[in-house]
Protein backbone atom coordinates (compact mmCIF):
# COMPACT_ATOMS: atom_id res chain seq x y z
CA MET A 1 -0.44 23.90 4.71
CA PRO A 2 -0.91 20.43 3.12
CA GLU A 3 -4.24 20.08 4.92
CA GLU A 4 -5.40 23.42 3.54
CA ASP A 5 -4.28 22.44 0.03
CA GLU A 6 -6.15 19.15 0.31
CA GLU A 7 -9.29 20.93 1.51
CA TYR A 8 -8.97 23.45 -1.31
CA SER A 9 -8.66 20.60 -3.80
CA GLU A 10 -11.79 18.92 -2.45
CA ASP A 11 -13.69 22.21 -2.71
CA LYS A 12 -12.65 22.46 -6.35
CA LYS A 13 -13.80 18.91 -7.01
CA THR A 14 -17.14 19.58 -5.33
CA ASN A 15 -17.59 22.73 -7.39
CA ILE A 16 -16.85 20.89 -10.63
CA LYS A 17 -19.30 18.09 -9.74
CA SER A 18 -21.95 20.70 -8.93
CA GLN A 19 -21.46 22.43 -12.29
CA ILE A 20 -21.65 19.13 -14.17
CA LYS A 21 -24.87 18.15 -12.41
CA SER A 22 -26.46 21.49 -13.30
CA ILE A 23 -26.00 21.02 -17.07
CA LEU A 24 -29.29 20.30 -18.80
CA VAL A 25 -29.96 17.74 -21.52
CA LYS A 26 -30.97 20.53 -23.92
CA ASP A 27 -27.47 22.01 -23.56
CA LEU A 28 -25.76 18.89 -24.92
CA MET A 29 -28.30 17.07 -27.11
CA CYS A 30 -27.91 16.65 -30.85
CA THR A 31 -30.77 18.48 -32.56
CA ASP A 32 -30.13 17.08 -36.04
CA VAL A 33 -32.63 14.26 -35.62
CA VAL A 34 -33.51 11.96 -38.51
CA ALA A 35 -36.82 10.17 -37.95
CA ILE A 36 -38.75 7.68 -40.06
CA ASP A 37 -42.41 6.74 -40.46
CA SER A 38 -43.55 3.39 -39.08
CA ASN A 39 -44.88 2.41 -42.54
CA ASN A 40 -41.36 2.36 -43.98
CA THR A 41 -39.39 -0.83 -44.40
CA LEU A 42 -36.14 -1.82 -42.74
CA ASP A 43 -33.96 -1.12 -45.78
CA ALA A 44 -34.76 2.59 -45.36
CA ILE A 45 -33.43 2.41 -41.79
CA TYR A 46 -30.29 0.71 -43.07
CA GLU A 47 -29.67 3.50 -45.59
CA ILE A 48 -30.09 6.17 -42.89
CA LEU A 49 -27.73 4.42 -40.49
CA ILE A 50 -25.03 4.14 -43.15
CA GLU A 51 -25.46 7.66 -44.54
CA LYS A 52 -25.65 9.45 -41.18
CA ASP A 53 -23.30 7.10 -39.28
CA ILE A 54 -25.75 6.78 -36.37
CA SER A 55 -27.02 3.83 -34.36
CA ASN A 56 -30.75 4.45 -33.90
CA VAL A 57 -33.62 6.20 -35.65
CA PRO A 58 -36.84 7.41 -33.95
CA VAL A 59 -40.05 6.02 -35.46
CA MET A 60 -43.05 8.30 -35.91
CA GLU A 61 -46.77 7.86 -36.57
CA PHE A 62 -48.91 10.89 -37.36
CA GLY A 63 -46.17 13.15 -35.98
CA LYS A 64 -45.88 11.29 -32.68
CA LEU A 65 -43.00 9.19 -31.41
CA VAL A 66 -43.99 5.52 -31.25
CA GLY A 67 -40.70 3.61 -31.27
CA VAL A 68 -37.06 3.35 -32.24
CA VAL A 69 -35.21 1.13 -34.71
CA GLY A 70 -31.48 0.80 -35.24
CA LYS A 71 -28.46 -1.38 -35.82
CA ILE A 72 -29.77 -4.12 -33.51
CA GLU A 73 -32.78 -4.75 -35.75
CA ILE A 74 -30.69 -4.59 -38.93
CA LEU A 75 -28.13 -7.07 -37.61
CA ASN A 76 -30.81 -9.44 -36.31
CA ALA A 77 -32.70 -9.38 -39.61
CA ALA A 78 -29.51 -9.86 -41.66
CA ALA A 79 -27.95 -12.36 -39.23
CA LYS A 80 -24.75 -10.33 -39.10
CA SER A 81 -22.56 -9.06 -36.25
CA ASN A 82 -21.32 -5.97 -38.10
CA ILE A 83 -23.47 -3.61 -40.16
CA ASP A 84 -20.64 -3.13 -42.69
CA ASP A 85 -20.94 -6.83 -43.55
CA VAL A 86 -24.56 -6.59 -44.71
CA THR A 87 -24.73 -7.57 -48.40
CA ASP A 88 -26.86 -6.07 -51.18
CA ALA A 89 -28.93 -9.26 -51.25
CA GLN A 90 -29.68 -8.92 -47.54
CA VAL A 91 -30.63 -5.27 -47.98
CA GLU A 92 -33.16 -6.42 -50.57
CA LYS A 93 -34.66 -8.80 -47.99
CA LEU A 94 -34.95 -5.90 -45.54
CA ARG A 95 -37.50 -4.37 -47.94
CA ASN A 96 -39.97 -7.05 -46.79
CA VAL A 97 -39.78 -6.03 -43.13
CA LYS A 98 -42.03 -3.24 -41.89
CA VAL A 99 -40.50 -0.86 -39.34
CA ARG A 100 -43.65 -0.98 -37.18
CA ASN A 101 -43.30 -4.75 -36.81
CA ILE A 102 -39.84 -4.73 -35.29
CA MET A 103 -39.48 -1.33 -33.59
CA ARG A 104 -38.55 -1.12 -29.92
CA LYS A 105 -40.13 1.00 -27.21
CA PRO A 106 -38.37 4.39 -27.19
CA ASN A 107 -36.46 5.57 -24.12
CA VAL A 108 -37.21 9.26 -23.70
CA ILE A 109 -36.10 12.09 -21.47
CA TYR A 110 -37.24 15.69 -21.18
CA ALA A 111 -35.01 18.47 -22.48
CA GLU A 112 -35.09 20.23 -19.10
CA SER A 113 -33.72 17.17 -17.28
CA THR A 114 -30.16 17.30 -15.98
CA ILE A 115 -27.35 15.23 -17.45
CA LYS A 116 -27.16 13.47 -14.06
CA GLN A 117 -30.73 12.29 -14.56
CA SER A 118 -29.88 11.34 -18.13
CA SER A 119 -26.83 9.36 -17.04
CA ASP A 120 -28.80 7.57 -14.31
CA MET A 121 -31.55 6.67 -16.78
CA MET A 122 -29.06 5.29 -19.31
CA GLU A 123 -27.50 3.18 -16.58
CA ARG A 124 -30.86 1.89 -15.38
CA LEU A 125 -32.13 1.09 -18.87
CA LYS A 126 -28.78 -0.28 -20.10
CA THR A 127 -28.78 2.03 -23.12
CA ASN A 128 -26.32 4.45 -24.70
CA MET A 129 -28.92 6.82 -26.15
CA LEU A 130 -32.11 8.61 -25.15
CA ILE A 131 -34.60 10.46 -27.34
CA VAL A 132 -35.21 13.99 -26.08
CA ILE A 133 -38.74 15.39 -26.02
CA ASP A 134 -40.29 18.69 -25.02
CA ASN A 135 -43.22 19.12 -22.63
CA ASP A 136 -45.67 18.42 -25.47
CA GLY A 137 -44.01 15.12 -26.33
CA ASN A 138 -42.39 16.37 -29.54
CA VAL A 139 -39.03 14.88 -30.49
CA ILE A 140 -36.44 17.66 -30.40
CA GLY A 141 -33.14 15.83 -30.03
CA ILE A 142 -31.08 12.79 -29.10
CA ILE A 143 -28.52 12.52 -26.33
CA SER A 144 -25.87 9.82 -26.05
CA LYS A 145 -23.25 8.79 -23.51
CA ILE A 146 -20.65 10.47 -25.70
CA ASP A 147 -22.56 13.76 -25.42
CA LEU A 148 -22.58 13.41 -21.61
CA PHE A 149 -18.84 12.73 -21.57
CA ARG A 150 -18.10 15.73 -23.78
CA GLY A 151 -20.22 17.99 -21.61
CA ALA A 152 -18.48 16.90 -18.42
CA SER A 153 -15.08 17.24 -20.09
CA ARG A 154 -15.80 20.84 -21.11
CA VAL A 155 -16.65 21.79 -17.52
CA ILE A 156 -13.53 20.09 -16.15
CA THR A 157 -11.26 21.65 -18.78
CA LYS A 158 -12.74 25.12 -18.23
CA LYS A 159 -12.32 24.81 -14.46
CA LYS A 160 -8.70 23.66 -14.83
CA ILE A 161 -7.94 26.67 -17.03
CA GLU A 162 -9.62 29.03 -14.57
CA THR A 163 -7.61 27.50 -11.72
CA ALA A 164 -4.34 27.85 -13.67
CA ILE A 165 -5.10 31.49 -14.46
CA ASP A 166 -5.83 32.18 -10.78
CA GLU A 167 -2.48 30.64 -9.85
CA VAL A 168 -0.66 32.69 -12.51
CA LEU A 169 -2.18 35.88 -11.11
CA GLU A 170 -1.11 34.91 -7.59
CA ILE A 171 2.47 34.32 -8.78
CA ILE A 172 2.54 37.76 -10.43
CA ARG A 173 1.16 39.36 -7.27
CA LYS A 174 3.95 37.81 -5.20
CA LYS A 175 6.84 38.38 -7.62
CA GLY A 176 5.71 41.58 -9.32
CA SER A 177 6.38 40.10 -12.75
CA VAL A 178 7.05 36.73 -14.34
CA THR A 179 8.17 35.74 -17.83
CA ILE A 180 5.91 33.83 -20.19
CA GLU A 181 8.62 31.19 -20.43
CA GLU A 182 8.64 30.65 -16.63
CA ILE A 183 4.87 30.11 -16.56
CA SER A 184 5.07 27.82 -19.60
CA GLU A 185 7.60 25.61 -17.82
CA LYS A 186 5.76 25.65 -14.49
CA PHE A 187 2.38 24.59 -15.93
CA HIS A 188 3.76 22.43 -18.77
CA VAL A 189 1.84 24.32 -21.44
CA SER A 190 2.92 26.13 -24.60
CA ARG A 191 4.00 29.76 -24.56
CA GLN A 192 1.07 30.51 -26.87
CA THR A 193 -1.31 29.16 -24.20
CA VAL A 194 0.33 31.36 -21.57
CA GLU A 195 -0.08 34.38 -23.85
CA GLU A 196 -3.78 33.52 -24.21
CA TRP A 197 -4.08 33.39 -20.41
CA GLY A 198 -2.25 36.71 -20.21
CA LYS A 199 -4.66 38.30 -22.69
CA ILE A 200 -7.61 37.13 -20.59
CA LEU A 201 -6.07 38.76 -17.51
CA GLU A 202 -5.18 41.85 -19.54
CA GLU A 203 -8.78 42.20 -20.77
CA HIS A 204 -9.88 42.25 -17.13
CA LYS A 205 -7.22 44.91 -16.39
CA LEU A 206 -5.42 42.60 -13.96
CA VAL A 207 -2.04 42.34 -15.72
CA THR A 208 -0.14 43.80 -18.64
CA ILE A 209 1.86 41.77 -21.15
CA GLU A 210 5.22 43.41 -21.83
CA TYR A 211 7.34 42.70 -24.93
CA PRO A 212 10.77 44.27 -24.28
CA VAL A 213 13.18 44.94 -27.15
CA ILE A 214 15.81 42.97 -25.26
CA GLY A 215 14.79 40.08 -23.06
CA LYS A 216 11.85 37.72 -22.80
CA PRO A 217 8.14 38.71 -22.79
CA TYR A 218 6.68 38.89 -19.30
CA LEU A 219 3.51 39.56 -17.37
CA VAL A 220 3.39 42.37 -14.86
CA LEU A 221 0.66 43.45 -12.46
CA ALA A 222 -1.55 46.16 -13.93
CA LYS A 223 -1.10 49.65 -12.42
CA ASP A 224 -4.60 49.61 -10.98
CA MET A 225 -3.83 46.35 -9.18
CA GLU A 226 -0.61 47.51 -7.56
CA GLU A 227 -0.85 48.13 -3.86
């Protein structure tokens, strides 16, 4: 039995990895992109970074992406290590610096790329952010390492919930019925969570949630599922 359990576990891990790899950049990217024209000065970038609490801003010329400017350029120009330490006097000096003169080459990725490709590119380029473009080269989003982490976490969490629900159904099949409290203790989750699982199974006509006048609420196999 242990060998079968271990093999089952590896299958689950493989399935999760496969699902994560299949997620596309367009599914996770932030579409609220703030861009700036290359003719602007660095103080405008500073204002955007502070207001939007972001790290980089795409630079455009005639509607086309030509670069990126962010905290690195601000800190270098102001000779500071933290953007919150930039003084009003230094912001005034930033007005003399044209964005086009200090912008970096943008790192881009297509919206239809997978998050695996995105992660590999970030690792190769030593960056935490990529600008997302469509097939015509238009900027349509930004994706960061945090976005990749959140996407992977959602898949893992969803799979864990699905696995738990499958196990709950198997317990009910074997025992005929089981109290919400028993499941709560077994899986170390709240009774409310167990009720939510029960409602999912009930919607699929797999179990019924019973609330007796005397005694604890329990889950029982649906009539159609009884052998």
